[in-house]
N, C-alpha and C. Protein backbone atom coordinates (compact mmCIF):
# COMPACT_ATOMS: atom_id res chain seq x y z
N UNK A 1 7.87 2.89 -1.90
CA UNK A 1 9.39 2.41 -2.46
C UNK A 1 9.32 1.48 -0.81
N UNK A 2 7.86 1.14 -0.07
CA UNK A 2 7.59 0.35 0.75
C UNK A 2 7.85 -1.12 0.71
N UNK A 3 6.87 -1.25 -0.49
CA UNK A 3 6.85 -1.98 -0.82
C UNK A 3 5.40 -2.94 -0.33
N UNK A 4 4.88 -2.45 0.19
CA UNK A 4 3.49 -3.20 1.04
C UNK A 4 2.59 -3.05 0.26
N UNK A 5 1.09 -3.59 0.85
CA UNK A 5 -0.04 -3.15 0.53
C UNK A 5 -1.13 -2.40 1.12
N UNK A 6 -0.92 -1.97 2.34
CA UNK A 6 -1.25 -1.03 2.83
C UNK A 6 -1.60 0.50 2.23
N UNK A 7 -0.99 0.80 1.57
CA UNK A 7 -0.86 1.94 1.17
C UNK A 7 -1.78 2.24 -0.30
N UNK A 8 -1.51 1.14 -1.20
CA UNK A 8 -2.82 0.79 -2.48
C UNK A 8 -4.10 0.28 -2.00
N UNK A 9 -4.50 0.18 -0.44
CA UNK A 9 -5.99 -0.77 -0.72
C UNK A 9 -7.10 0.23 -1.50
N UNK A 10 -6.73 1.45 -1.05
CA UNK A 10 -8.04 2.08 -1.14
C UNK A 10 -8.38 2.28 -2.89
N UNK A 11 -6.85 2.49 -3.56
CA UNK A 11 -6.87 2.13 -5.16
C UNK A 11 -7.93 1.19 -5.41
N UNK A 12 -6.83 -0.17 -4.75
CA UNK A 12 -7.36 -1.56 -5.29
C UNK A 12 -9.20 -1.99 -4.73
N UNK A 13 -9.58 -1.06 -3.93
CA UNK A 13 -10.87 -1.05 -3.97
C UNK A 13 -11.94 -0.79 -4.64
N UNK A 14 -11.57 0.84 -5.01
CA UNK A 14 -12.12 1.53 -5.98
C UNK A 14 -11.92 1.30 -7.32
N UNK A 15 -10.95 -0.15 -8.05
CA UNK A 15 -10.60 -0.70 -9.30
C UNK A 15 -11.68 -2.34 -8.96
N UNK A 16 -12.13 -2.24 -7.77
CA UNK A 16 -12.62 -3.86 -7.84
C UNK A 16 -13.83 -3.94 -8.71
N UNK A 17 -14.69 -2.87 -8.73
CA UNK A 17 -16.16 -3.26 -9.22
C UNK A 17 -16.10 -3.11 -10.83
N UNK A 18 -15.05 -3.08 -11.72
CA UNK A 18 -14.31 -3.35 -12.90
C UNK A 18 -13.58 -4.25 -12.43
N UNK A 19 -12.12 -4.11 -12.26
CA UNK A 19 -11.02 -4.70 -12.77
C UNK A 19 -10.37 -5.25 -11.19
N UNK A 20 -10.59 -6.56 -11.36
CA UNK A 20 -10.04 -7.40 -10.27
C UNK A 20 -8.45 -6.91 -10.15
N UNK A 21 -8.18 -6.54 -8.98
CA UNK A 21 -6.98 -6.31 -8.35
C UNK A 21 -6.44 -6.82 -7.47
N UNK A 22 -5.06 -6.95 -7.34
CA UNK A 22 -3.91 -7.86 -6.44
C UNK A 22 -2.84 -7.17 -6.36
N UNK A 23 -2.61 -7.12 -5.14
CA UNK A 23 -1.06 -6.26 -5.06
C UNK A 23 0.06 -7.14 -5.20
N UNK A 24 1.53 -7.17 -5.49
CA UNK A 24 2.22 -7.83 -5.33
C UNK A 24 3.14 -7.07 -4.02
N UNK A 25 3.42 -7.49 -3.50
CA UNK A 25 4.59 -6.87 -2.23
C UNK A 25 6.28 -7.71 -2.14
N UNK A 26 6.83 -6.72 -2.05
CA UNK A 26 8.04 -6.84 -1.46
C UNK A 26 8.55 -7.30 0.08
N UNK A 27 9.40 -8.37 -0.18
CA UNK A 27 9.71 -8.64 1.33
C UNK A 27 10.32 -7.55 2.05
N UNK A 28 9.86 -6.90 2.96
CA UNK A 28 10.06 -5.83 4.39
C UNK A 28 11.93 -6.09 5.12
N UNK A 29 12.03 -7.54 4.74
CA UNK A 29 13.11 -8.02 5.58
C UNK A 29 14.82 -8.05 4.73
N UNK A 30 14.07 -7.83 3.34
CA UNK A 30 15.22 -8.58 2.65
C UNK A 30 15.76 -7.37 0.96
N UNK A 31 16.65 -7.08 1.44
CA UNK A 31 17.36 -5.53 0.36
C UNK A 31 17.72 -6.33 -0.98
N UNK A 32 16.55 -6.68 -1.52
CA UNK A 32 16.84 -7.23 -2.83
C UNK A 32 16.48 -5.69 -3.91
N UNK A 33 17.45 -5.47 -4.83
CA UNK A 33 17.45 -4.91 -6.02
C UNK A 33 16.43 -5.23 -7.13
N UNK A 34 16.81 -4.03 -8.14
CA UNK A 34 15.52 -4.60 -8.91
C UNK A 34 15.93 -5.56 -9.86
N UNK A 35 16.76 -6.41 -10.36
CA UNK A 35 17.28 -7.50 -10.72
C UNK A 35 16.17 -8.61 -9.94
N UNK A 36 16.68 -8.63 -8.39
CA UNK A 36 15.83 -9.70 -8.19
C UNK A 36 13.95 -9.29 -7.85
N UNK A 37 13.85 -8.20 -7.28
CA UNK A 37 12.24 -7.97 -7.49
C UNK A 37 11.76 -8.42 -8.99
N UNK A 38 12.35 -8.28 -9.98
CA UNK A 38 11.85 -8.18 -10.98
C UNK A 38 11.71 -9.45 -11.35
N UNK A 39 12.23 -10.83 -10.47
CA UNK A 39 12.20 -12.52 -10.66
C UNK A 39 11.00 -12.52 -9.67
N UNK A 40 10.84 -11.94 -9.01
CA UNK A 40 9.63 -12.39 -7.93
C UNK A 40 8.21 -11.38 -8.70
N UNK A 41 8.34 -10.53 -9.12
CA UNK A 41 7.06 -10.09 -9.82
C UNK A 41 6.92 -10.88 -10.77
N UNK A 42 8.10 -10.91 -11.67
CA UNK A 42 7.71 -12.16 -13.39
C UNK A 42 7.07 -13.52 -12.57
N UNK A 43 7.11 -13.47 -11.29
CA UNK A 43 6.87 -15.16 -11.08
C UNK A 43 4.95 -14.87 -11.01
N UNK A 44 4.79 -13.88 -10.49
CA UNK A 44 3.49 -13.55 -9.79
C UNK A 44 2.29 -13.59 -11.49
N UNK A 45 3.19 -12.75 -12.61
CA UNK A 45 2.73 -12.60 -13.52
C UNK A 45 2.27 -13.73 -14.25
N UNK A 46 3.23 -14.33 -14.15
CA UNK A 46 3.17 -15.92 -15.01
C UNK A 46 2.11 -16.88 -14.76
N UNK A 47 1.93 -16.84 -12.92
CA UNK A 47 1.03 -17.65 -12.53
C UNK A 47 -0.24 -17.64 -13.47
N UNK A 48 -0.79 -16.07 -13.99
CA UNK A 48 -2.05 -15.88 -13.74
C UNK A 48 -2.35 -16.46 -15.66
N UNK A 49 -3.15 -16.97 -15.77
CA UNK A 49 -3.82 -17.33 -17.55
C UNK A 49 -3.88 -16.50 -18.00
N UNK A 50 -4.84 -15.48 -17.82
CA UNK A 50 -5.79 -14.45 -18.45
C UNK A 50 -4.69 -13.54 -18.40
N UNK A 51 -4.55 -12.75 -19.53
CA UNK A 51 -3.55 -11.55 -19.76
C UNK A 51 -3.54 -10.56 -18.30
N UNK A 52 -2.54 -10.07 -17.98
CA UNK A 52 -2.56 -8.70 -16.60
C UNK A 52 -1.78 -7.42 -17.09
N UNK A 53 -2.58 -6.71 -16.25
CA UNK A 53 -2.78 -5.15 -16.40
C UNK A 53 -1.49 -4.68 -15.51
N UNK A 54 -0.24 -4.45 -15.68
CA UNK A 54 0.75 -4.62 -14.71
C UNK A 54 0.47 -2.44 -14.22
N UNK A 55 0.24 -2.51 -12.67
CA UNK A 55 0.15 -1.24 -12.51
C UNK A 55 1.40 -0.97 -11.58
N UNK A 56 2.56 0.47 -11.75
CA UNK A 56 3.66 0.77 -11.22
C UNK A 56 3.23 1.70 -10.36
N UNK A 57 3.73 2.52 -9.28
CA UNK A 57 3.84 3.53 -8.69
C UNK A 57 5.33 3.78 -8.63
N UNK A 58 5.86 4.44 -8.50
CA UNK A 58 6.94 5.63 -8.03
C UNK A 58 8.18 4.71 -8.11
N UNK A 59 8.48 4.07 -6.50
CA UNK A 59 10.04 3.01 -7.01
C UNK A 59 9.44 1.80 -8.12
N UNK A 60 8.26 1.62 -8.10
CA UNK A 60 8.13 0.20 -8.79
C UNK A 60 8.45 0.45 -10.56
N UNK A 61 8.15 2.02 -10.86
CA UNK A 61 7.99 2.25 -12.48
C UNK A 61 9.25 1.47 -13.18
N UNK A 62 10.86 1.82 -12.99
CA UNK A 62 11.44 1.01 -13.85
C UNK A 62 11.56 -0.54 -13.70
N UNK A 63 10.89 -1.06 -12.61
CA UNK A 63 10.95 -2.64 -12.52
C UNK A 63 10.09 -2.83 -13.27
N UNK A 64 8.74 -2.11 -13.76
CA UNK A 64 7.47 -2.96 -14.37
C UNK A 64 8.03 -2.23 -15.89
N UNK A 65 8.71 -1.17 -16.17
CA UNK A 65 9.61 -1.16 -17.20
C UNK A 65 10.44 -2.00 -17.76
N UNK A 66 11.00 -2.45 -17.37
CA UNK A 66 11.71 -3.85 -17.57
C UNK A 66 10.85 -4.86 -17.76
N UNK A 67 9.71 -5.23 -17.45
CA UNK A 67 8.60 -6.37 -17.29
C UNK A 67 8.52 -6.49 -18.89
N UNK A 68 7.75 -5.06 -18.85
CA UNK A 68 7.24 -4.99 -19.89
C UNK A 68 7.85 -4.73 -21.40
N UNK A 69 9.42 -4.41 -21.60
CA UNK A 69 9.98 -4.26 -22.61
C UNK A 69 10.66 -5.69 -22.87
N UNK A 70 10.69 -6.58 -21.80
CA UNK A 70 10.76 -7.82 -22.32
C UNK A 70 10.24 -8.83 -23.44
N UNK A 71 9.09 -8.27 -23.27
CA UNK A 71 7.97 -8.80 -24.42
C UNK A 71 7.59 -10.11 -24.25
N UNK A 72 7.87 -10.97 -23.18
CA UNK A 72 7.73 -12.27 -23.12
C UNK A 72 6.41 -12.54 -21.87
N UNK A 73 5.80 -11.48 -21.31
CA UNK A 73 5.49 -11.85 -20.63
C UNK A 73 3.74 -11.57 -21.19
N UNK A 74 2.67 -11.98 -20.41
CA UNK A 74 1.43 -12.19 -20.99
C UNK A 74 0.97 -10.85 -20.53
N UNK A 75 1.14 -9.38 -21.07
CA UNK A 75 0.52 -8.39 -20.40
C UNK A 75 -0.40 -7.82 -21.67
N UNK A 76 -1.24 -7.03 -20.96
CA UNK A 76 -2.39 -6.82 -21.68
C UNK A 76 -2.14 -4.88 -21.88
N UNK A 77 -1.84 -4.33 -20.92
CA UNK A 77 -0.89 -3.40 -21.02
C UNK A 77 -0.45 -2.88 -19.43
N UNK A 78 0.41 -1.86 -19.42
CA UNK A 78 1.05 -1.08 -18.37
C UNK A 78 0.99 0.20 -18.13
N UNK A 79 0.73 0.29 -16.70
CA UNK A 79 0.10 1.98 -16.19
C UNK A 79 0.78 2.39 -15.47
N UNK A 80 1.83 3.13 -15.59
CA UNK A 80 3.14 3.29 -14.10
C UNK A 80 2.12 5.61 -14.17
N UNK A 81 3.09 4.96 -12.67
CA UNK A 81 2.02 6.45 -11.98
C UNK A 81 3.24 6.93 -11.08
N UNK A 82 3.24 8.19 -11.13
CA UNK A 82 4.09 9.29 -10.78
C UNK A 82 5.69 8.47 -10.74
N UNK A 83 6.10 8.26 -11.69
CA UNK A 83 7.01 7.60 -11.55
C UNK A 83 8.43 8.08 -12.65
N UNK A 84 9.62 6.91 -12.67
CA UNK A 84 10.61 7.89 -13.33
C UNK A 84 11.08 6.09 -14.07
N UNK A 85 12.18 6.79 -15.24
CA UNK A 85 12.73 5.33 -16.22
C UNK A 85 14.59 5.53 -15.20
N UNK A 86 14.25 7.05 -15.11
CA UNK A 86 16.10 6.91 -14.59
C UNK A 86 16.07 8.02 -13.32
N UNK A 87 17.19 7.81 -12.72
CA UNK A 87 16.96 8.32 -11.42
C UNK A 87 16.27 10.09 -11.07
N UNK A 88 15.69 10.28 -10.18
CA UNK A 88 15.02 11.53 -10.00
C UNK A 88 16.32 12.55 -9.53
N UNK A 89 17.05 12.12 -8.86
CA UNK A 89 18.06 12.44 -7.68
C UNK A 89 19.21 12.38 -8.36
N UNK A 90 20.31 12.72 -8.50
CA UNK A 90 21.93 12.53 -8.72
C UNK A 90 22.26 11.66 -8.32
N UNK A 91 22.92 10.61 -9.34
CA UNK A 91 23.46 9.30 -8.83
C UNK A 91 24.68 9.18 -7.77
N UNK A 92 25.47 10.19 -7.78
CA UNK A 92 26.58 10.67 -6.94
C UNK A 92 26.25 10.60 -5.51
N UNK A 93 25.04 10.88 -5.14
CA UNK A 93 24.72 10.29 -3.63
C UNK A 93 24.61 9.39 -3.41
N UNK A 94 24.44 8.15 -3.88
CA UNK A 94 24.24 6.73 -3.92
C UNK A 94 24.99 6.77 -2.68
N UNK A 95 26.27 7.21 -2.60
CA UNK A 95 26.99 6.30 -1.42
C UNK A 95 26.63 6.33 0.12
N UNK A 96 25.99 7.81 0.08
CA UNK A 96 26.14 8.63 1.45
C UNK A 96 24.92 8.06 1.59
N UNK A 97 23.96 7.10 1.31
CA UNK A 97 22.98 6.57 1.65
C UNK A 97 23.07 5.44 2.95
N UNK A 98 22.59 5.79 3.94
CA UNK A 98 23.13 4.76 5.63
C UNK A 98 21.23 4.37 6.00
N UNK A 99 21.82 3.40 6.21
CA UNK A 99 20.50 2.56 7.13
C UNK A 99 19.90 3.96 8.23
N UNK A 100 21.00 4.53 8.62
CA UNK A 100 20.11 5.32 10.14
C UNK A 100 19.36 6.97 9.60
N UNK A 101 19.47 6.39 8.13
CA UNK A 101 18.36 7.38 7.66
C UNK A 101 17.29 6.79 8.09
N UNK A 102 16.57 5.34 8.35
CA UNK A 102 15.69 5.23 8.24
C UNK A 102 15.18 4.44 9.14
N UNK A 103 16.15 4.57 10.29
CA UNK A 103 15.37 4.40 11.79
C UNK A 103 14.40 5.10 12.30
N UNK A 104 13.73 6.34 11.91
CA UNK A 104 12.39 6.47 12.19
C UNK A 104 11.87 6.78 10.35
N UNK A 105 10.41 6.71 11.08
CA UNK A 105 9.75 6.95 10.29
C UNK A 105 9.47 8.71 9.71
N UNK A 106 9.19 9.45 9.09
CA UNK A 106 9.76 10.81 8.17
C UNK A 106 8.38 11.59 8.56
N UNK A 107 8.90 12.73 9.76
CA UNK A 107 7.98 13.19 10.28
C UNK A 107 6.66 13.76 9.55
N UNK A 108 5.40 14.04 9.85
CA UNK A 108 4.29 14.82 9.45
C UNK A 108 4.68 15.38 8.97
N UNK A 109 5.59 16.52 8.79
CA UNK A 109 5.65 17.61 7.76
C UNK A 109 6.22 17.20 6.74
N UNK A 110 7.15 16.41 6.70
CA UNK A 110 7.83 15.93 5.18
C UNK A 110 7.14 14.90 4.61
N UNK A 111 6.22 14.21 5.22
CA UNK A 111 5.24 13.60 4.24
C UNK A 111 4.24 14.18 3.71
N UNK A 112 3.71 15.60 4.55
CA UNK A 112 2.60 16.18 3.63
C UNK A 112 3.16 17.04 2.51
N UNK A 113 4.09 17.61 2.70
CA UNK A 113 5.35 18.38 1.29
C UNK A 113 5.57 17.84 0.15
N UNK A 114 6.33 16.08 0.85
CA UNK A 114 6.88 15.98 -0.39
C UNK A 114 6.01 14.42 -0.65
N UNK A 115 5.49 14.01 0.15
CA UNK A 115 4.12 12.80 -0.77
C UNK A 115 2.60 12.85 -0.66
N UNK A 116 1.95 13.49 0.39
CA UNK A 116 0.37 13.59 0.10
C UNK A 116 -0.31 14.80 -0.02
N UNK A 117 0.66 16.04 0.37
CA UNK A 117 0.24 17.10 0.15
C UNK A 117 -0.05 18.29 1.58
N UNK A 118 0.16 18.93 1.44
CA UNK A 118 -0.35 19.89 2.38
C UNK A 118 -1.76 20.23 3.72
N UNK A 119 -2.32 19.64 2.49
CA UNK A 119 -4.01 19.34 2.96
C UNK A 119 -4.19 17.97 3.16
N UNK A 120 -3.31 17.21 3.05
CA UNK A 120 -3.57 15.50 4.08
C UNK A 120 -4.15 15.42 5.52
N UNK A 121 -5.11 14.61 5.18
CA UNK A 121 -5.69 14.58 6.39
C UNK A 121 -4.84 13.41 7.40
N UNK A 122 -4.48 13.53 8.59
CA UNK A 122 -4.15 12.97 9.59
C UNK A 122 -3.94 11.35 9.34
N UNK A 123 -5.03 10.96 9.09
CA UNK A 123 -5.02 9.46 8.65
C UNK A 123 -4.27 8.56 7.92
N UNK A 124 -4.18 9.38 6.79
CA UNK A 124 -3.23 9.51 5.68
C UNK A 124 -1.76 9.40 5.92
N UNK A 125 -1.87 10.55 6.72
CA UNK A 125 0.24 10.38 7.04
C UNK A 125 0.45 9.26 7.99
N UNK A 126 -0.56 8.78 8.80
CA UNK A 126 -0.22 7.89 9.92
C UNK A 126 -0.15 6.74 8.87
N UNK A 127 -1.12 6.63 8.01
CA UNK A 127 -0.94 5.60 7.36
C UNK A 127 0.47 5.28 6.32
N UNK A 128 0.91 6.48 6.01
CA UNK A 128 2.33 6.46 5.25
C UNK A 128 3.39 6.07 5.94
N UNK A 129 3.23 6.65 7.34
CA UNK A 129 4.09 6.27 8.65
C UNK A 129 4.34 4.89 8.75
N UNK A 130 3.07 4.57 9.02
CA UNK A 130 2.94 2.77 9.45
C UNK A 130 3.71 1.92 8.10
N UNK A 131 3.45 2.44 7.08
CA UNK A 131 4.06 1.42 5.70
C UNK A 131 5.49 1.64 6.19
N UNK A 132 6.25 2.81 6.21
CA UNK A 132 7.34 2.82 5.81
C UNK A 132 7.87 2.41 7.60
N UNK A 133 7.65 2.08 8.65
CA UNK A 133 7.64 1.37 9.77
C UNK A 133 8.12 0.32 9.82
N UNK A 134 7.01 -0.33 8.87
CA UNK A 134 6.97 -1.77 8.71
C UNK A 134 8.27 -2.57 7.82
N UNK A 135 8.73 -1.32 6.85
CA UNK A 135 9.92 -2.27 6.27
C UNK A 135 11.10 -1.86 7.08
N UNK A 136 11.90 -2.79 7.32
CA UNK A 136 13.41 -2.69 7.82
C UNK A 136 14.08 -1.60 7.65
N UNK A 137 14.73 -0.80 8.03
CA UNK A 137 15.64 0.74 7.43
C UNK A 137 16.96 -0.11 6.76
N UNK A 138 17.76 -1.00 6.43
CA UNK A 138 18.69 -1.41 5.64
C UNK A 138 18.07 -1.77 4.13
N UNK A 139 17.10 -2.00 4.65
CA UNK A 139 16.04 -2.24 3.01
C UNK A 139 15.69 -1.32 2.04
N UNK A 140 15.06 -0.04 3.09
CA UNK A 140 14.75 1.35 2.61
C UNK A 140 15.84 1.82 1.96
N UNK A 141 16.93 1.66 2.56
CA UNK A 141 18.70 2.14 2.23
C UNK A 141 18.67 1.60 0.85
N UNK A 142 18.41 0.50 0.60
CA UNK A 142 18.88 -0.61 -0.23
C UNK A 142 18.21 0.30 -1.20
N UNK A 143 16.39 0.11 -1.35
CA UNK A 143 16.06 0.55 -2.16
C UNK A 143 16.51 2.11 -2.68
N UNK A 144 16.58 2.82 -1.81
CA UNK A 144 16.63 4.44 -2.04
C UNK A 144 18.09 4.49 -3.15
N UNK A 145 19.46 3.28 -2.89
CA UNK A 145 20.32 3.50 -3.54
C UNK A 145 20.11 2.92 -5.05
N UNK A 146 19.11 1.98 -5.21
CA UNK A 146 18.64 0.92 -6.36
C UNK A 146 17.77 2.40 -7.00
N UNK A 147 16.89 3.17 -6.58
CA UNK A 147 16.58 4.51 -7.09
C UNK A 147 17.40 5.38 -7.45
N UNK A 148 18.26 5.48 -7.00
CA UNK A 148 19.53 6.21 -7.56
C UNK A 148 20.43 6.00 -8.64
N UNK A 149 20.86 4.45 -8.65
CA UNK A 149 20.98 4.41 -9.90
C UNK A 149 20.82 4.07 -10.79
N UNK A 150 19.65 3.46 -10.98
CA UNK A 150 18.80 3.40 -12.19
C UNK A 150 18.62 3.80 -13.15
N UNK A 151 18.34 3.40 -14.41
CA UNK A 151 18.23 4.16 -15.39
C UNK A 151 17.96 2.92 -16.54
N UNK A 152 16.55 2.95 -17.31
CA UNK A 152 16.02 2.65 -17.69
C UNK A 152 14.98 2.80 -19.27
N UNK A 153 15.96 3.96 -19.48
CA UNK A 153 15.48 4.95 -20.68
C UNK A 153 15.23 4.42 -21.73
N UNK A 154 16.44 3.31 -22.16
CA UNK A 154 16.23 2.92 -23.56
C UNK A 154 15.51 1.72 -23.49
N UNK A 155 15.08 1.24 -22.31
CA UNK A 155 14.03 -0.01 -22.43
C UNK A 155 12.45 0.42 -22.82
N UNK A 156 12.61 1.92 -22.50
CA UNK A 156 10.69 2.37 -23.12
C UNK A 156 10.92 1.99 -23.69
N UNK A 157 11.60 2.14 -25.35
CA UNK A 157 11.24 2.23 -26.61
C UNK A 157 11.02 0.77 -26.92
N UNK A 158 10.93 -0.14 -26.17
CA UNK A 158 10.92 -1.67 -26.55
C UNK A 158 9.97 -2.43 -25.97
N UNK A 159 8.78 -1.57 -25.20
CA UNK A 159 7.84 -1.72 -24.80
C UNK A 159 6.65 -2.16 -26.03
N UNK A 160 5.76 -2.86 -26.09
CA UNK A 160 5.16 -3.34 -27.61
C UNK A 160 3.34 -3.02 -26.84
N UNK A 161 3.29 -3.33 -25.53
CA UNK A 161 1.77 -2.90 -25.13
C UNK A 161 1.69 -1.71 -24.70
N UNK A 162 0.14 -1.46 -24.99
CA UNK A 162 -0.33 -0.17 -24.01
C UNK A 162 0.18 0.29 -23.16
N UNK A 163 0.39 2.20 -23.14
CA UNK A 163 1.04 2.47 -21.67
C UNK A 163 0.21 3.28 -21.57
N UNK A 164 -0.11 4.09 -20.04
CA UNK A 164 -0.85 4.87 -19.49
C UNK A 164 0.11 5.44 -18.61
N UNK A 165 0.32 6.57 -18.56
CA UNK A 165 1.41 7.43 -17.42
C UNK A 165 0.63 8.51 -16.84
N UNK A 166 0.26 8.04 -15.66
CA UNK A 166 -0.84 9.28 -14.33
C UNK A 166 0.89 9.98 -14.08
N UNK A 167 0.18 11.25 -14.56
CA UNK A 167 1.73 12.01 -13.77
C UNK A 167 0.61 13.26 -12.90
N UNK A 168 1.17 13.24 -11.44
CA UNK A 168 0.80 14.22 -10.82
C UNK A 168 1.13 15.41 -11.00
N UNK A 169 0.63 16.81 -11.23
CA UNK A 169 0.58 17.99 -11.45
C UNK A 169 1.47 18.32 -9.81
N UNK A 170 1.62 17.87 -8.94
CA UNK A 170 2.20 18.74 -7.57
C UNK A 170 3.04 17.69 -7.55
N UNK A 171 3.91 16.96 -8.17
CA UNK A 171 4.84 16.01 -7.38
C UNK A 171 5.95 16.80 -6.86
N UNK A 172 6.20 16.76 -5.77
CA UNK A 172 7.45 17.21 -5.36
C UNK A 172 8.96 16.13 -4.90
N UNK A 173 8.36 14.75 -5.43
CA UNK A 173 9.79 14.35 -5.02
C UNK A 173 10.00 13.66 -6.40
N UNK A 174 9.46 13.49 -7.06
CA UNK A 174 9.85 12.98 -8.74
C UNK A 174 9.87 14.59 -9.74
N UNK A 175 10.78 15.17 -9.73
CA UNK A 175 10.99 16.39 -10.62
C UNK A 175 11.77 16.08 -11.84
N UNK A 176 11.91 14.59 -11.92
CA UNK A 176 12.66 14.41 -13.33
C UNK A 176 11.72 13.36 -13.72
N UNK A 177 10.58 13.85 -14.82
CA UNK A 177 9.34 12.87 -14.78
C UNK A 177 9.78 12.00 -16.12
N UNK A 178 9.05 11.02 -16.61
CA UNK A 178 9.84 10.12 -17.77
C UNK A 178 9.64 10.55 -18.96
N UNK A 179 10.53 10.98 -19.87
CA UNK A 179 10.66 11.34 -21.38
C UNK A 179 9.66 10.16 -21.99
N UNK A 180 8.38 10.56 -21.71
CA UNK A 180 6.98 9.88 -22.73
C UNK A 180 7.53 9.58 -24.18
N UNK A 181 7.25 8.42 -24.39
CA UNK A 181 7.36 7.39 -25.86
C UNK A 181 5.62 8.36 -26.10
N UNK A 182 6.08 8.76 -27.43
CA UNK A 182 5.11 9.45 -28.88
C UNK A 182 3.47 8.54 -28.48
N UNK A 183 4.06 7.05 -28.52
CA UNK A 183 2.75 6.36 -28.64
C UNK A 183 1.92 6.14 -27.06
N UNK A 184 2.62 6.40 -26.04
CA UNK A 184 2.01 6.11 -24.19
C UNK A 184 0.94 7.56 -24.27
N UNK A 185 -0.29 6.85 -23.54
CA UNK A 185 -1.26 8.11 -23.25
C UNK A 185 -0.54 8.66 -21.92
N UNK A 186 -0.66 9.80 -21.67
CA UNK A 186 -0.70 10.42 -20.40
C UNK A 186 -1.74 11.56 -20.15
N UNK A 187 -1.71 11.26 -18.69
CA UNK A 187 -2.94 11.53 -17.98
C UNK A 187 -2.33 12.70 -16.99
N UNK A 188 -2.46 14.25 -17.01
CA UNK A 188 -1.82 14.48 -15.71
C UNK A 188 -3.30 15.06 -14.85
N UNK A 189 -3.35 14.50 -13.54
CA UNK A 189 -4.40 14.69 -12.66
C UNK A 189 -3.60 15.44 -11.29
N UNK A 190 -4.72 16.65 -10.86
CA UNK A 190 -4.08 17.40 -10.06
C UNK A 190 -3.89 16.79 -8.54
N UNK A 191 -2.37 16.33 -7.71
CA UNK A 191 -2.74 15.81 -6.87
C UNK A 191 -0.89 16.17 -6.48
N UNK A 192 -0.52 15.57 -5.20
CA UNK A 192 1.41 15.28 -5.00
C UNK A 192 1.55 13.62 -5.16
N UNK A 193 2.81 13.63 -5.39
CA UNK A 193 3.25 12.42 -5.70
C UNK A 193 2.45 11.40 -4.98
N UNK A 194 2.47 10.60 -4.13
CA UNK A 194 1.40 9.88 -3.73
C UNK A 194 -0.06 9.79 -4.27
N UNK A 195 -0.31 9.90 -5.37
CA UNK A 195 -1.37 10.15 -5.90
C UNK A 195 -2.94 9.02 -6.26
N UNK A 196 -1.90 7.70 -5.81
CA UNK A 196 -3.28 6.69 -5.69
C UNK A 196 -3.72 7.00 -4.14
N UNK A 197 -2.84 7.25 -3.56
CA UNK A 197 -3.31 7.52 -2.29
C UNK A 197 -4.56 8.76 -1.99
N UNK A 198 -3.65 9.86 -2.46
CA UNK A 198 -4.42 10.81 -2.05
C UNK A 198 -5.98 11.06 -3.03
N UNK A 199 -5.91 10.43 -4.58
CA UNK A 199 -6.96 10.23 -5.25
C UNK A 199 -7.07 9.14 -5.64
N UNK A 200 -8.09 7.86 -4.66
CA UNK A 200 -7.75 6.21 -5.10
C UNK A 200 -9.41 6.48 -5.90
N UNK A 201 -10.12 7.29 -5.99
CA UNK A 201 -11.08 6.92 -7.04
C UNK A 201 -11.11 7.71 -8.25
N UNK A 202 -10.32 8.70 -8.40
CA UNK A 202 -10.03 9.38 -9.73
C UNK A 202 -9.35 8.73 -10.25
N UNK A 203 -8.44 8.29 -9.39
CA UNK A 203 -7.34 7.36 -10.20
C UNK A 203 -7.51 6.13 -10.57
N UNK A 204 -8.78 5.32 -10.25
CA UNK A 204 -9.12 3.98 -10.36
C UNK A 204 -10.22 3.86 -11.88
N UNK A 205 -10.87 5.54 -11.72
CA UNK A 205 -11.65 5.72 -12.81
C UNK A 205 -10.67 5.86 -14.40
N UNK A 206 -9.65 6.67 -14.01
CA UNK A 206 -9.32 6.63 -15.27
C UNK A 206 -8.31 5.34 -15.76
N UNK A 207 -7.47 4.59 -14.59
CA UNK A 207 -7.02 3.26 -15.25
C UNK A 207 -8.34 2.48 -15.47
N UNK A 208 -9.31 1.99 -14.71
CA UNK A 208 -10.17 0.56 -15.42
C UNK A 208 -11.07 1.84 -16.95
N UNK A 209 -10.71 2.89 -17.02
CA UNK A 209 -10.70 2.93 -18.31
C UNK A 209 -10.39 2.40 -19.39
N UNK A 210 -9.00 3.19 -19.16
CA UNK A 210 -7.59 2.44 -19.99
C UNK A 210 -7.50 0.70 -19.95
N UNK A 211 -7.95 0.61 -19.11
CA UNK A 211 -7.50 -1.39 -18.83
C UNK A 211 -8.54 -1.80 -19.99
N UNK A 212 -9.67 -1.01 -19.63
CA UNK A 212 -10.96 -1.78 -20.66
C UNK A 212 -10.70 -1.57 -22.67
N UNK A 213 -10.27 -0.46 -22.91
CA UNK A 213 -9.95 -0.30 -23.52
C UNK A 213 -8.91 -0.98 -24.21
N UNK A 214 -8.33 -1.51 -23.33
CA UNK A 214 -7.14 -2.32 -24.34
C UNK A 214 -7.11 -3.99 -23.95
N UNK A 215 -8.64 -4.10 -23.64
CA UNK A 215 -9.22 -5.69 -23.70
C UNK A 215 -9.30 -6.13 -25.28
């Protein structure tokens, strides 16, 4: 949900020998909803001449589903990681989300319990906390409200490119996984919600293999 490139760097580094990887970042000071972020990501995809493999983790899943379902982009395939098609929490919570909730990064025990796993190293926890601190509180509040209100389940059936869904087995943050389409490939990987951060090499191996098969 931070929308930055910090947390994906080890995963991107692991991909690079096989797949050229580029992070699409979201503004840290602008409260843009899914519709406006879709315009931003669409422009980055359209800038490429060759087919693109779109990889989306957590917050970005619904956005990637919208883009892939549109059917007018040069996409080779779609990879969804630890994400959702509709809110993983009750929508009625949305009016109660306040900027004040994000004046500080979550404490280490919260990061470990819900994002990285109890055995996460201090460096990884610090990385997550730094990434969150880099985004203004009103932006994070806006993104959380967007998550609570989103529902793109009906768009999943419109996707015509190959889809891989990486599902963490120990996800304590997204407890309502995607109702997977029969043609999607699903890989369960032992790990917490931030799967690409905890297991970048294993995740990159699975993703790169899938992308190569889609060529």
